[in-house]
Amino acid sequence: MSKIKIIPLGGVRENAKNMYAVEVNEDIFILDCGLKYPENELLGIDIVIPDFEYLRQNVQRIVGVFLTHGHADAIGALPYFVSEFNIPVFGSELTISLAKIMCENEDKARKFDDFHIINADTEIDFDNTTVSFFKTTHSIPESLGIVLKTDEGDIVYTGDFKFDQTAVQGYQTDLGRLANIGQEGVLALLSDSANAENPKEIVKEHELYDFISETFEYRQGRIIVACVASNILRVQQIFDAAAANGRKVALTGHDVEKVIRTAMKRRKIVLPNEDILVSIDKINKLPDDQIVILETGRSGEPLKSLQKMAVGRHKAINLREGDLVFITTTPSHAVETVVARTRDMIYRAGADVKAISDEFNSSGHASRNDLQLLMNLLHPRYLIPVQGEYRLLAANAELAQELGMPKENIFLLAKGDVVEYEHDKLLLGSSIEVGNTMIDGIGVGDIGNIVLRDRKILSEDGIFIAVVTIDRRKKKIVDAPKITSRGFVYVKTSRDLMAESAEIVTNVVQKNLDNKEFDWSHLKQDVREQLNHFLYEQTKRHPVILPVIMEINQYHSHKKNKSIKKSKEEA
């Protein structure tokens, strides 16, 4: 009997950051290696990736990383992973090409070359497991689901998927293969849940193309299309619609050039005609009704770029009256406030806004009917909903129960939970400690909860600094306290508050100097506590309080007088 464990390292009870470790006897198979973009509470953080600590402790047992598709939620953490682990990476040709583009941005990851291209017909034999793949429909071509064949049954991971009977070639699901997998016997299904809560059916992609083409036809001015760079299907539709309506396309965005050029090289994007692409610096020579500007933004997220356009700070394009901003991506619920603010800024600039999500239920993820159809095809014994916040995982679980799956056979896991196969049953066992690794600039994992807490306080209540110079030998304050603040109060209109604060600092410092057992840490803590109490009484705010105590010692040498100034500061 095979010893099986399934451990989510990300992708459960959160959006994106997919990474799942499946253990079969002594081998560890890693399914996806994604990131997520931070929400508002992660101040200043660029991206968040999974915690690799468990994998570090078991690195000798890892046999490979298997990627489902080329979006950041599946491959975004790979540069940080391969910088540390020399483990083979498997994915489709396009997925590997996009993964290599991401790895180019990290010095250590550039040297990694253990990539292996697979397709839906590939089977890879390991000691106790055979890994195979199946075609799925998503917004990027060559998306694959993953099957781990074990003695106890198959473990199936869908990746991001949906069903669309009208999908064009390269995006079609292999329903026959899914049915065959179901007949073989599926022990556990790790199923995409990102759209499980939405009761509406997903619109067909050919209907979306018609909508895009009509928009291009009947709009007279410039059209700025906001799209995620890696949504290859949508990019192709934009090119086709532009060509059908006599428009040229200009590309602007940090990622779009590389992604589109890579997709074109692999024949995943086909230009309708050779001259449809124009450089961004030549659009002023064309009539407005012949222009489409494709904006993808940094890291494939266009909203911030649209905001820059609206306030005249974009490096290439500024919005003007008569422009249409056409949002063809469906933002997640986590950024609804940002979307609303962006729309308002666009209208203030004199442009109009139109969004696919206003007219259609568009998604690259499975609908409720899709999820139930998948379960009916695979007949899994156990279900592990993944890819989504808790309410989405629970919605997927409800769909399984409607089909008759026992509640005890469904696992709503948190990061680090360990599901083990024992005595012919899959059971929730112990858990491992799994956190988040935050990337800020070039720092990887050096930002923790304490730093984030301080950033949050600084953003809400500001900082309050008290500087005082003392002579500890003479037990006196040499220079009166200097008080300043940033983000707390406006100093010029708060002179009384500053004066009383300086008096408190003077009294606290002198009291500590008079104490026979003088202690630096006690002095600074005493200043913080007294100021914190006073400032909260006066303002009902808790700024970060930074006392800076400087010490001066004066003495006479035998040769000449000298004055030495020592500075002791603590942040």
Protein backbone atom coordinates (compact mmCIF):
# COMPACT_ATOMS: atom_id res chain seq x y z
CA MET A 1 0.00 0.00 0.00
CA SER A 2 1.35 3.42 -0.96
CA LYS A 3 1.91 6.02 1.73
CA ILE A 4 0.25 9.22 0.49
CA LYS A 5 0.20 12.77 1.86
CA ILE A 6 -1.30 15.93 0.33
CA ILE A 7 -0.10 19.26 1.74
CA PRO A 8 -1.19 22.70 0.43
CA LEU A 9 1.64 25.24 0.78
CA GLY A 10 -0.56 27.96 -0.74
CA GLY A 11 -3.69 28.39 -2.82
CA VAL A 12 -6.24 27.55 -0.11
CA ARG A 13 -8.27 30.16 1.78
CA GLU A 14 -6.65 32.81 -0.42
CA ASN A 15 -6.59 33.97 -4.03
CA ALA A 16 -3.69 32.65 -6.15
CA LYS A 17 -0.27 31.49 -4.79
CA ASN A 18 -0.98 27.91 -5.85
CA MET A 19 1.49 25.32 -4.57
CA TYR A 20 0.69 21.79 -3.44
CA ALA A 21 3.04 19.05 -2.27
CA VAL A 22 1.90 15.48 -2.90
CA GLU A 23 3.95 12.76 -1.24
CA VAL A 24 3.85 9.20 -2.55
CA ASN A 25 6.03 7.02 -0.34
CA GLU A 26 9.40 8.83 -0.27
CA ASP A 27 8.84 11.03 -3.34
CA ILE A 28 7.49 14.60 -3.21
CA PHE A 29 5.73 16.03 -6.27
CA ILE A 30 5.21 19.80 -6.34
CA LEU A 31 2.15 20.99 -8.27
CA ASP A 32 2.49 24.63 -9.42
CA CYS A 33 4.68 27.31 -7.87
CA GLY A 34 2.68 30.55 -7.92
CA LEU A 35 2.59 33.98 -6.33
CA LYS A 36 -0.10 36.44 -5.36
CA TYR A 37 -0.15 40.20 -5.52
CA PRO A 38 -0.55 41.87 -2.13
CA GLU A 39 -3.77 43.33 -0.86
CA ASN A 40 -4.00 46.72 0.86
CA GLU A 41 -2.87 45.58 4.31
CA LEU A 42 0.53 44.45 3.01
CA LEU A 43 1.96 47.95 2.83
CA GLY A 44 4.83 48.27 0.38
CA ILE A 45 5.10 44.53 -0.32
CA ASP A 46 5.62 43.75 -4.02
CA ILE A 47 4.52 40.11 -4.13
CA VAL A 48 3.85 37.18 -1.79
CA ILE A 49 5.15 33.66 -2.46
CA PRO A 50 4.74 30.35 -0.58
CA ASP A 51 6.87 29.38 2.39
CA PHE A 52 9.52 26.87 1.22
CA GLU A 53 10.70 25.78 4.69
CA TYR A 54 9.09 22.31 4.59
CA LEU A 55 10.62 21.73 1.17
CA ARG A 56 14.04 22.80 2.46
CA GLN A 57 13.81 20.18 5.16
CA ASN A 58 12.89 17.49 2.61
CA VAL A 59 14.79 18.66 -0.46
CA GLN A 60 16.33 15.23 -1.13
CA ARG A 61 12.86 13.75 -1.62
CA ILE A 62 11.57 16.27 -4.21
CA VAL A 63 11.43 14.72 -7.68
CA GLY A 64 10.03 17.64 -9.68
CA VAL A 65 7.86 20.72 -10.08
CA PHE A 66 4.88 20.26 -12.42
CA LEU A 67 3.25 23.39 -13.85
CA THR A 68 -0.33 23.61 -15.12
CA HIS A 69 -0.21 26.90 -17.08
CA GLY A 70 1.70 30.13 -17.62
CA HIS A 71 -0.09 32.59 -15.33
CA ALA A 72 1.60 34.16 -12.32
CA ASP A 73 -0.62 32.26 -9.86
CA ALA A 74 1.00 29.05 -11.17
CA ILE A 75 4.57 30.04 -12.12
CA GLY A 76 5.24 33.39 -10.40
CA ALA A 77 7.24 32.01 -7.46
CA LEU A 78 9.38 29.78 -9.68
CA PRO A 79 12.31 32.25 -9.97
CA TYR A 80 12.68 32.24 -6.17
CA PHE A 81 12.28 28.46 -6.00
CA VAL A 82 14.89 27.60 -8.65
CA SER A 83 17.29 30.16 -7.15
CA GLU A 84 17.41 27.89 -4.11
CA PHE A 85 16.50 24.38 -5.34
CA ASN A 86 18.05 22.50 -8.24
CA ILE A 87 14.89 20.50 -9.01
CA PRO A 88 13.62 19.67 -12.54
CA VAL A 89 10.65 21.71 -13.76
CA PHE A 90 8.03 20.27 -16.13
CA GLY A 91 5.48 22.20 -18.20
CA SER A 92 4.09 22.74 -21.68
CA GLU A 93 6.19 24.57 -24.26
CA LEU A 94 4.46 27.95 -23.75
CA THR A 95 4.38 27.56 -19.97
CA ILE A 96 8.12 26.86 -19.86
CA SER A 97 8.81 29.81 -22.18
CA LEU A 98 6.88 32.17 -19.88
CA ALA A 99 8.57 30.66 -16.82
CA LYS A 100 11.97 31.41 -18.37
CA ILE A 101 10.93 35.04 -18.93
CA MET A 102 10.11 35.31 -15.22
CA CYS A 103 13.42 33.71 -14.26
CA GLU A 104 15.33 36.31 -16.30
CA ASN A 105 14.46 38.92 -13.65
CA GLU A 106 16.34 37.06 -10.88
CA ASP A 107 20.14 36.77 -11.03
CA LYS A 108 20.37 33.29 -9.50
CA ALA A 109 17.38 31.97 -11.44
CA ARG A 110 18.94 32.92 -14.80
CA LYS A 111 21.47 30.10 -14.41
CA PHE A 112 18.80 27.42 -13.94
CA ASP A 113 18.37 25.23 -17.02
CA ASP A 114 16.65 22.05 -15.83
CA PHE A 115 13.39 22.69 -17.71
CA HIS A 116 11.49 19.86 -19.41
CA ILE A 117 8.75 20.36 -22.02
CA ILE A 118 5.77 18.01 -21.82
CA ASN A 119 2.33 17.81 -23.43
CA ALA A 120 -1.01 16.08 -22.92
CA ASP A 121 0.42 12.80 -24.27
CA THR A 122 3.43 12.72 -21.94
CA GLU A 123 3.78 10.10 -19.21
CA ILE A 124 6.67 10.23 -16.76
CA ASP A 125 7.42 7.09 -14.73
CA PHE A 126 8.84 7.40 -11.23
CA ASP A 127 9.46 4.59 -8.71
CA ASN A 128 5.92 4.41 -7.36
CA THR A 129 4.07 6.95 -9.47
CA THR A 130 3.33 7.78 -13.07
CA VAL A 131 2.68 11.46 -13.85
CA SER A 132 0.47 12.25 -16.85
CA PHE A 133 -1.47 15.26 -18.10
CA PHE A 134 -4.73 16.28 -19.77
CA LYS A 135 -5.82 19.32 -21.80
CA THR A 136 -7.95 21.97 -20.11
CA THR A 137 -9.65 25.18 -21.24
CA HIS A 138 -8.35 28.43 -19.74
CA SER A 139 -7.51 31.93 -20.94
CA ILE A 140 -4.03 30.83 -21.95
CA PRO A 141 -3.20 28.00 -24.37
CA GLU A 142 -1.47 24.76 -23.42
CA SER A 143 -3.12 24.65 -19.99
CA LEU A 144 -2.90 21.17 -18.50
CA GLY A 145 -4.31 19.24 -15.58
CA ILE A 146 -2.04 16.80 -13.75
CA VAL A 147 -2.63 13.16 -12.82
CA LEU A 148 -0.50 11.26 -10.28
CA LYS A 149 -1.20 7.54 -10.73
CA THR A 150 -0.65 5.56 -7.51
CA ASP A 151 -1.48 2.05 -6.28
CA GLU A 152 -4.40 3.52 -4.31
CA GLY A 153 -5.91 5.47 -7.21
CA ASP A 154 -5.24 8.67 -9.13
CA ILE A 155 -4.65 12.05 -7.56
CA VAL A 156 -5.93 14.69 -10.00
CA TYR A 157 -5.10 18.41 -9.90
CA THR A 158 -7.11 20.54 -12.33
CA GLY A 159 -5.14 23.77 -12.30
CA ASP A 160 -7.27 26.69 -13.54
CA PHE A 161 -9.97 25.42 -15.88
CA LYS A 162 -13.45 25.82 -17.31
CA PHE A 163 -15.57 24.06 -19.94
CA ASP A 164 -16.44 25.86 -23.17
CA GLN A 165 -17.87 23.71 -25.96
CA THR A 166 -17.13 26.48 -28.49
CA ALA A 167 -13.46 26.86 -27.49
CA VAL A 168 -11.10 27.25 -30.46
CA GLN A 169 -8.28 24.84 -31.19
CA GLY A 170 -5.52 25.02 -28.61
CA TYR A 171 -7.98 25.83 -25.82
CA GLN A 172 -10.21 22.74 -25.92
CA THR A 173 -10.68 20.35 -23.00
CA ASP A 174 -10.09 16.66 -23.71
CA LEU A 175 -13.36 15.32 -22.29
CA GLY A 176 -12.60 11.79 -23.46
CA ARG A 177 -9.37 11.75 -21.50
CA LEU A 178 -11.21 12.97 -18.40
CA ALA A 179 -13.73 10.15 -18.74
CA ASN A 180 -10.90 7.60 -19.04
CA ILE A 181 -9.24 8.98 -15.90
CA GLY A 182 -12.56 8.61 -14.08
CA GLN A 183 -12.80 4.96 -15.16
CA GLU A 184 -9.30 4.26 -13.83
CA GLY A 185 -10.39 5.37 -10.36
CA VAL A 186 -9.70 8.76 -8.79
CA LEU A 187 -8.71 8.74 -5.14
CA ALA A 188 -8.60 12.53 -4.64
CA LEU A 189 -9.50 15.55 -6.77
CA LEU A 190 -7.84 18.93 -6.15
CA SER A 191 -10.34 21.18 -7.93
CA ASP A 192 -10.23 24.87 -8.92
CA SER A 193 -12.79 26.80 -6.81
CA ALA A 194 -12.18 30.40 -7.91
CA ASN A 195 -15.63 30.79 -9.49
CA ALA A 196 -17.59 28.26 -7.39
CA GLU A 197 -19.73 30.92 -5.70
CA ASN A 198 -21.01 32.52 -8.91
CA PRO A 199 -24.48 31.16 -9.86
CA LYS A 200 -24.36 32.52 -13.42
CA GLU A 201 -23.11 30.60 -16.41
CA ILE A 202 -19.88 31.81 -17.99
CA VAL A 203 -20.25 33.52 -21.35
CA LYS A 204 -18.78 31.75 -24.38
CA GLU A 205 -15.57 33.22 -25.73
CA HIS A 206 -16.98 33.74 -29.24
CA GLU A 207 -19.66 36.01 -27.71
CA LEU A 208 -16.94 38.05 -26.02
CA TYR A 209 -15.15 38.43 -29.34
CA ASP A 210 -18.34 39.76 -30.93
CA PHE A 211 -18.70 42.27 -28.09
CA ILE A 212 -15.10 43.46 -28.48
CA SER A 213 -15.44 43.77 -32.25
CA GLU A 214 -18.69 45.77 -31.98
CA THR A 215 -17.05 48.12 -29.50
CA PHE A 216 -14.18 48.73 -31.91
CA GLU A 217 -16.61 49.27 -34.80
CA TYR A 218 -18.94 51.84 -33.26
CA ARG A 219 -16.44 53.86 -31.20
CA GLN A 220 -15.01 56.89 -33.01
CA GLY A 221 -12.03 57.90 -30.88
CA ARG A 222 -8.98 56.16 -29.46
CA ILE A 223 -9.55 52.94 -27.54
CA ILE A 224 -7.25 52.04 -24.66
CA VAL A 225 -7.72 48.35 -23.90
CA ALA A 226 -6.75 47.17 -20.41
CA CYS A 227 -5.83 43.51 -20.38
CA VAL A 228 -3.69 41.09 -18.39
CA ALA A 229 -0.55 40.37 -20.41
CA SER A 230 -0.73 36.61 -19.99
CA ASN A 231 -4.39 36.37 -21.07
CA ILE A 232 -3.29 35.17 -24.50
CA LEU A 233 -6.82 34.38 -25.67
CA ARG A 234 -8.02 37.93 -24.97
CA VAL A 235 -4.96 39.44 -26.66
CA GLN A 236 -5.67 37.37 -29.78
CA GLN A 237 -9.29 38.55 -29.78
CA ILE A 238 -8.13 42.18 -29.53
CA PHE A 239 -5.81 41.77 -32.53
CA ASP A 240 -8.54 40.07 -34.58
CA ALA A 241 -11.17 42.69 -33.70
CA ALA A 242 -8.78 45.55 -34.47
CA ALA A 243 -7.95 44.09 -37.89
CA ALA A 244 -11.63 43.51 -38.69
CA ASN A 245 -12.38 47.19 -37.99
CA GLY A 246 -9.40 48.85 -39.66
CA ARG A 247 -7.49 49.71 -36.51
CA LYS A 248 -3.80 49.41 -35.64
CA VAL A 249 -2.59 48.13 -32.26
CA ALA A 250 0.14 49.77 -30.16
CA LEU A 251 1.58 47.94 -27.16
CA THR A 252 2.43 49.59 -23.87
CA GLY A 253 3.22 47.86 -20.63
CA HIS A 254 6.11 46.33 -18.75
CA ASP A 255 5.38 42.71 -19.65
CA VAL A 256 3.31 42.79 -22.81
CA GLU A 257 6.15 42.93 -25.34
CA LYS A 258 7.99 39.87 -24.05
CA VAL A 259 4.86 37.82 -23.43
CA ILE A 260 3.29 38.58 -26.81
CA ARG A 261 6.53 38.12 -28.72
CA THR A 262 7.01 34.76 -27.00
CA ALA A 263 3.43 33.70 -27.79
CA MET A 264 3.87 34.80 -31.41
CA LYS A 265 7.08 32.84 -31.72
CA ARG A 266 5.25 29.73 -30.49
CA ARG A 267 2.32 30.47 -32.88
CA LYS A 268 -0.05 30.92 -29.92
CA ILE A 269 -0.81 34.44 -31.11
CA VAL A 270 -1.21 34.90 -34.85
CA LEU A 271 -1.30 38.43 -36.23
CA PRO A 272 -4.21 38.94 -38.69
CA ASN A 273 -1.92 41.02 -40.92
CA GLU A 274 1.74 42.02 -40.85
CA ASP A 275 1.25 45.75 -40.34
CA ILE A 276 -1.30 45.65 -37.53
CA LEU A 277 1.35 46.41 -34.87
CA VAL A 278 2.67 49.97 -34.66
CA SER A 279 5.11 51.47 -32.21
CA ILE A 280 3.66 53.62 -29.47
CA ASP A 281 5.58 56.72 -30.61
CA LYS A 282 3.86 56.67 -34.02
CA ILE A 283 0.22 56.69 -32.93
CA ASN A 284 -0.03 60.48 -33.16
CA LYS A 285 0.40 60.16 -36.93
CA LEU A 286 -2.77 58.05 -37.20
CA PRO A 287 -6.43 59.17 -36.94
CA ASP A 288 -7.94 58.47 -33.51
CA ASP A 289 -10.51 56.07 -34.94
CA GLN A 290 -7.72 53.83 -36.27
CA ILE A 291 -5.95 53.31 -32.94
CA VAL A 292 -6.13 50.62 -30.27
CA ILE A 293 -3.66 50.91 -27.41
CA LEU A 294 -3.13 47.67 -25.50
CA GLU A 295 -2.10 48.38 -21.89
CA THR A 296 -1.13 45.54 -19.57
CA GLY A 297 0.69 47.37 -16.81
CA ARG A 298 3.48 46.15 -14.59
CA SER A 299 3.33 42.45 -13.69
CA GLY A 300 0.37 42.13 -16.01
CA GLU A 301 -1.98 44.22 -13.84
CA PRO A 302 -3.20 47.28 -15.80
CA LEU A 303 -5.17 49.26 -13.17
CA LYS A 304 -2.23 51.29 -11.83
CA SER A 305 -1.18 52.17 -15.36
CA LEU A 306 -4.69 53.41 -16.12
CA GLN A 307 -4.52 55.64 -13.05
CA LYS A 308 -1.23 57.13 -14.29
CA MET A 309 -2.82 57.78 -17.69
CA ALA A 310 -5.74 59.54 -16.00
CA VAL A 311 -3.51 61.97 -14.05
CA GLY A 312 -0.99 62.57 -16.86
CA ARG A 313 1.90 60.59 -15.38
CA HIS A 314 2.09 57.67 -17.80
CA LYS A 315 5.36 57.50 -19.75
CA ALA A 316 3.64 57.02 -23.12
CA ILE A 317 -0.11 57.76 -23.04
CA ASN A 318 -2.28 60.34 -21.30
CA LEU A 319 -6.07 60.19 -21.42
CA ARG A 320 -8.02 62.92 -23.12
CA GLU A 321 -11.61 63.72 -23.95
CA GLY A 322 -13.09 61.29 -26.46
CA ASP A 323 -10.96 58.32 -25.38
CA LEU A 324 -12.56 55.04 -24.36
CA VAL A 325 -10.91 52.88 -21.72
CA PHE A 326 -12.06 49.33 -22.41
CA ILE A 327 -11.40 46.98 -19.47
CA THR A 328 -11.33 43.44 -20.88
CA THR A 329 -10.07 41.69 -17.77
CA THR A 330 -12.26 40.61 -14.86
CA PRO A 331 -10.71 41.94 -11.63
CA SER A 332 -10.95 39.88 -8.46
CA HIS A 333 -13.23 40.91 -5.59
CA ALA A 334 -10.14 41.94 -3.59
CA VAL A 335 -9.53 44.95 -5.87
CA GLU A 336 -13.12 46.18 -6.34
CA THR A 337 -12.33 49.41 -4.46
CA VAL A 338 -9.29 50.02 -6.68
CA VAL A 339 -11.42 49.44 -9.79
CA ALA A 340 -14.04 51.95 -8.61
CA ARG A 341 -11.37 54.55 -7.85
CA THR A 342 -9.71 53.96 -11.24
CA ARG A 343 -13.03 54.44 -13.06
CA ASP A 344 -13.60 57.74 -11.26
CA MET A 345 -10.13 58.99 -12.22
CA ILE A 346 -10.73 58.06 -15.87
CA TYR A 347 -14.02 59.99 -15.97
CA ARG A 348 -12.34 63.00 -14.37
CA ALA A 349 -9.81 62.94 -17.23
CA GLY A 350 -12.69 63.28 -19.70
CA ALA A 351 -12.58 59.71 -21.03
CA ASP A 352 -15.28 57.02 -20.95
CA VAL A 353 -15.08 53.57 -19.39
CA LYS A 354 -16.48 50.29 -20.61
CA ALA A 355 -15.87 46.87 -19.06
CA ILE A 356 -16.63 43.35 -20.18
CA SER A 357 -17.60 42.50 -16.60
CA ASP A 358 -20.44 45.08 -16.78
CA GLU A 359 -22.12 43.16 -19.58
CA PHE A 360 -21.09 39.52 -19.17
CA ASN A 361 -20.13 36.94 -16.59
CA SER A 362 -16.64 36.38 -17.94
CA SER A 363 -14.13 34.14 -16.21
CA GLY A 364 -11.34 31.71 -16.93
CA HIS A 365 -12.52 29.55 -14.03
CA ALA A 366 -15.16 26.83 -13.83
CA SER A 367 -18.82 27.66 -13.18
CA ARG A 368 -20.92 25.67 -10.73
CA ASN A 369 -22.18 23.43 -13.54
CA ASP A 370 -18.62 22.97 -14.82
CA LEU A 371 -17.46 21.83 -11.39
CA GLN A 372 -20.26 19.30 -11.10
CA LEU A 373 -19.65 18.05 -14.64
CA LEU A 374 -15.99 17.50 -13.76
CA MET A 375 -16.94 15.49 -10.68
CA ASN A 376 -19.39 13.40 -12.71
CA LEU A 377 -16.66 12.63 -15.23
CA LEU A 378 -13.99 11.74 -12.66
CA HIS A 379 -16.08 10.22 -9.83
CA PRO A 380 -13.50 11.12 -7.18
CA ARG A 381 -13.62 9.33 -3.84
CA TYR A 382 -12.39 12.44 -2.02
CA LEU A 383 -12.53 16.15 -2.89
CA ILE A 384 -10.03 18.84 -1.87
CA PRO A 385 -11.26 22.25 -3.10
CA VAL A 386 -8.33 24.57 -3.87
CA GLN A 387 -7.69 27.98 -5.47
CA GLY A 388 -9.91 30.37 -3.57
CA GLU A 389 -10.89 31.98 -0.29
CA TYR A 390 -12.73 29.87 2.27
CA ARG A 391 -16.22 30.76 1.08
CA LEU A 392 -15.28 29.61 -2.44
CA LEU A 393 -13.86 26.33 -1.17
CA ALA A 394 -17.05 25.81 0.84
CA ALA A 395 -19.20 26.55 -2.24
CA ASN A 396 -17.30 23.87 -4.18
CA ALA A 397 -17.85 21.46 -1.28
CA GLU A 398 -21.60 22.13 -1.36
CA LEU A 399 -21.68 21.26 -5.07
CA ALA A 400 -20.02 17.92 -4.33
CA GLN A 401 -22.56 17.16 -1.59
CA GLU A 402 -25.38 17.90 -4.04
CA LEU A 403 -23.98 15.04 -6.14
CA GLY A 404 -24.06 12.71 -3.16
CA MET A 405 -20.47 12.89 -1.93
CA PRO A 406 -20.34 12.36 1.87
CA LYS A 407 -19.32 15.45 3.82
CA GLU A 408 -16.54 13.50 5.57
CA ASN A 409 -14.93 12.89 2.16
CA ILE A 410 -14.45 16.62 1.53
CA PHE A 411 -11.49 18.51 3.03
CA LEU A 412 -11.52 22.31 3.39
CA LEU A 413 -7.83 22.70 4.11
CA ALA A 414 -5.72 25.55 5.40
CA LYS A 415 -2.07 26.07 4.48
CA GLY A 416 0.05 23.40 6.13
CA ASP A 417 -2.76 20.90 6.80
CA VAL A 418 -1.67 17.34 6.04
CA VAL A 419 -4.13 14.86 4.53
CA GLU A 420 -2.84 11.29 4.85
CA TYR A 421 -4.01 8.00 3.35
CA GLU A 422 -4.16 5.38 6.09
CA HIS A 423 -6.16 2.15 6.51
CA ASP A 424 -7.90 2.61 3.16
CA LYS A 425 -9.05 6.12 4.14
CA LEU A 426 -7.93 9.69 3.52
CA LEU A 427 -7.76 11.47 6.88
CA LEU A 428 -6.79 14.89 8.14
CA GLY A 429 -3.64 14.27 10.17
CA SER A 430 -1.14 16.63 11.75
CA SER A 431 -0.15 19.95 10.26
CA ILE A 432 3.11 21.70 9.47
CA GLU A 433 3.90 25.37 10.02
CA VAL A 434 3.48 27.28 6.75
CA GLY A 435 3.53 31.05 6.49
CA ASN A 436 3.94 33.59 3.70
CA THR A 437 7.22 34.78 2.22
CA MET A 438 7.00 38.46 1.32
CA ILE A 439 9.10 40.04 -1.42
CA ASP A 440 9.93 43.72 -0.97
CA GLY A 441 12.41 45.09 -3.51
CA ILE A 442 15.39 42.72 -3.52
CA GLY A 443 14.54 41.40 -0.06
CA VAL A 444 13.12 37.88 0.06
CA GLY A 445 11.46 36.94 3.33
CA ASP A 446 13.12 39.70 5.38
CA ILE A 447 9.79 41.44 6.03
CA GLY A 448 7.68 39.89 8.78
CA ASN A 449 4.59 40.69 10.82
CA ILE A 450 6.42 43.10 13.15
CA VAL A 451 7.67 45.24 10.25
CA LEU A 452 4.22 45.19 8.64
CA ARG A 453 2.65 46.22 11.95
CA ASP A 454 5.03 49.18 12.21
CA ARG A 455 4.28 50.16 8.59
CA LYS A 456 0.57 50.03 9.32
CA ILE A 457 0.95 52.24 12.40
CA LEU A 458 3.13 54.68 10.46
CA SER A 459 0.54 54.85 7.67
CA GLU A 460 -2.29 55.50 10.13
CA ASP A 461 -0.78 57.59 12.95
CA GLY A 462 2.68 58.69 11.78
CA ILE A 463 5.92 59.03 13.73
CA PHE A 464 6.87 61.21 16.72
CA ILE A 465 10.59 61.87 17.39
CA ALA A 466 12.14 63.27 20.56
CA VAL A 467 15.87 64.14 20.54
CA VAL A 468 17.67 65.07 23.77
CA THR A 469 21.37 65.49 24.69
CA ILE A 470 22.59 64.57 28.19
CA ASP A 471 25.75 64.59 30.29
CA ARG A 472 25.47 61.41 32.34
CA ARG A 473 28.46 62.21 34.60
CA LYS A 474 27.01 65.55 35.67
CA LYS A 475 23.46 64.10 35.60
CA LYS A 476 22.07 66.95 33.62
CA ILE A 477 20.38 67.68 30.30
CA VAL A 478 22.81 69.60 28.11
CA ASP A 479 20.38 70.63 25.39
CA ALA A 480 16.61 71.01 25.60
CA PRO A 481 14.60 68.26 23.84
CA LYS A 482 13.89 68.78 20.14
CA ILE A 483 10.47 67.44 19.11
CA THR A 484 9.37 66.72 15.55
CA SER A 485 6.83 64.51 13.81
CA ARG A 486 5.83 63.23 10.38
CA GLY A 487 2.31 62.11 9.51
CA PHE A 488 1.04 62.74 13.07
CA VAL A 489 0.18 66.42 13.50
CA TYR A 490 1.01 69.62 11.67
CA VAL A 491 3.80 71.02 13.84
CA LYS A 492 3.20 74.72 13.20
CA THR A 493 -0.37 74.55 14.47
CA SER A 494 0.43 72.24 17.40
CA ARG A 495 3.04 74.26 19.26
CA ASP A 496 1.41 73.72 22.66
CA LEU A 497 1.36 69.94 22.14
CA MET A 498 5.04 70.02 21.18
CA ALA A 499 5.99 72.19 24.16
CA GLU A 500 4.18 69.94 26.65
CA SER A 501 5.77 66.88 25.05
CA ALA A 502 9.22 68.43 25.42
CA GLU A 503 8.48 69.13 29.10
CA ILE A 504 7.45 65.48 29.63
CA VAL A 505 10.66 64.28 27.99
CA THR A 506 12.71 66.64 30.17
CA ASN A 507 11.09 65.37 33.37
CA VAL A 508 11.42 61.69 32.40
CA VAL A 509 15.07 62.01 31.35
CA GLN A 510 16.04 64.00 34.46
CA LYS A 511 14.30 61.46 36.69
CA ASN A 512 16.30 58.65 35.09
CA LEU A 513 19.55 60.61 35.39
CA ASP A 514 18.93 61.10 39.09
CA ASN A 515 18.41 57.35 39.53
CA LYS A 516 21.52 55.61 40.89
CA GLU A 517 20.94 52.60 38.62
CA PHE A 518 20.82 54.38 35.27
CA ASP A 519 19.82 52.13 32.37
CA TRP A 520 19.64 53.17 28.69
CA SER A 521 16.88 50.77 27.69
CA HIS A 522 14.78 51.74 30.72
CA LEU A 523 15.21 55.44 29.88
CA LYS A 524 14.03 55.04 26.31
CA GLN A 525 11.13 52.80 27.31
CA ASP A 526 10.09 55.29 29.98
CA VAL A 527 10.09 58.12 27.41
CA ARG A 528 7.99 56.04 25.02
CA GLU A 529 5.41 55.10 27.65
CA GLN A 530 4.98 58.62 29.06
CA LEU A 531 4.74 60.21 25.60
CA ASN A 532 2.39 57.51 24.35
CA HIS A 533 0.02 58.06 27.29
CA PHE A 534 0.08 61.86 26.88
CA LEU A 535 -0.32 61.87 23.08
CA TYR A 536 -3.21 59.43 23.17
CA GLU A 537 -4.96 61.56 25.79
CA GLN A 538 -4.57 64.63 23.57
CA THR A 539 -5.20 63.14 20.10
CA LYS A 540 -6.61 59.57 20.52
CA ARG A 541 -3.79 58.37 18.25
CA HIS A 542 -0.83 56.04 18.73
CA PRO A 543 2.11 57.24 16.60
CA VAL A 544 5.41 55.38 16.45
CA ILE A 545 7.50 57.10 19.14
CA LEU A 546 11.25 57.29 18.51
CA PRO A 547 13.38 58.64 21.38
CA VAL A 548 16.94 59.60 20.39
CA ILE A 549 19.25 60.12 23.39
CA MET A 550 22.70 61.59 22.79
CA GLU A 551 25.43 61.61 25.44
CA ILE A 552 28.25 64.17 25.85
CA ASN A 553 31.25 63.52 28.14
CA GLN A 554 33.67 66.40 28.82
CA TYR A 555 37.07 65.84 30.42
CA HIS A 556 40.56 67.36 30.55
CA SER A 557 43.66 65.50 29.40
CA HIS A 558 47.18 66.29 30.67
CA LYS A 559 48.22 67.86 27.35
CA LYS A 560 45.13 69.80 26.30
CA ASN A 561 41.42 70.04 26.66
CA LYS A 562 39.36 67.74 24.50
CA SER A 563 35.65 67.33 24.01
CA ILE A 564 34.29 63.98 22.86
CA LYS A 565 30.70 63.54 21.84
CA LYS A 566 29.17 60.09 21.81
CA SER A 567 25.86 59.37 20.22
CA LYS A 568 23.59 56.57 21.27
CA GLU A 569 20.44 56.14 19.28
CA GLU A 570 17.80 53.47 19.24
CA ALA A 571 15.08 53.07 16.65
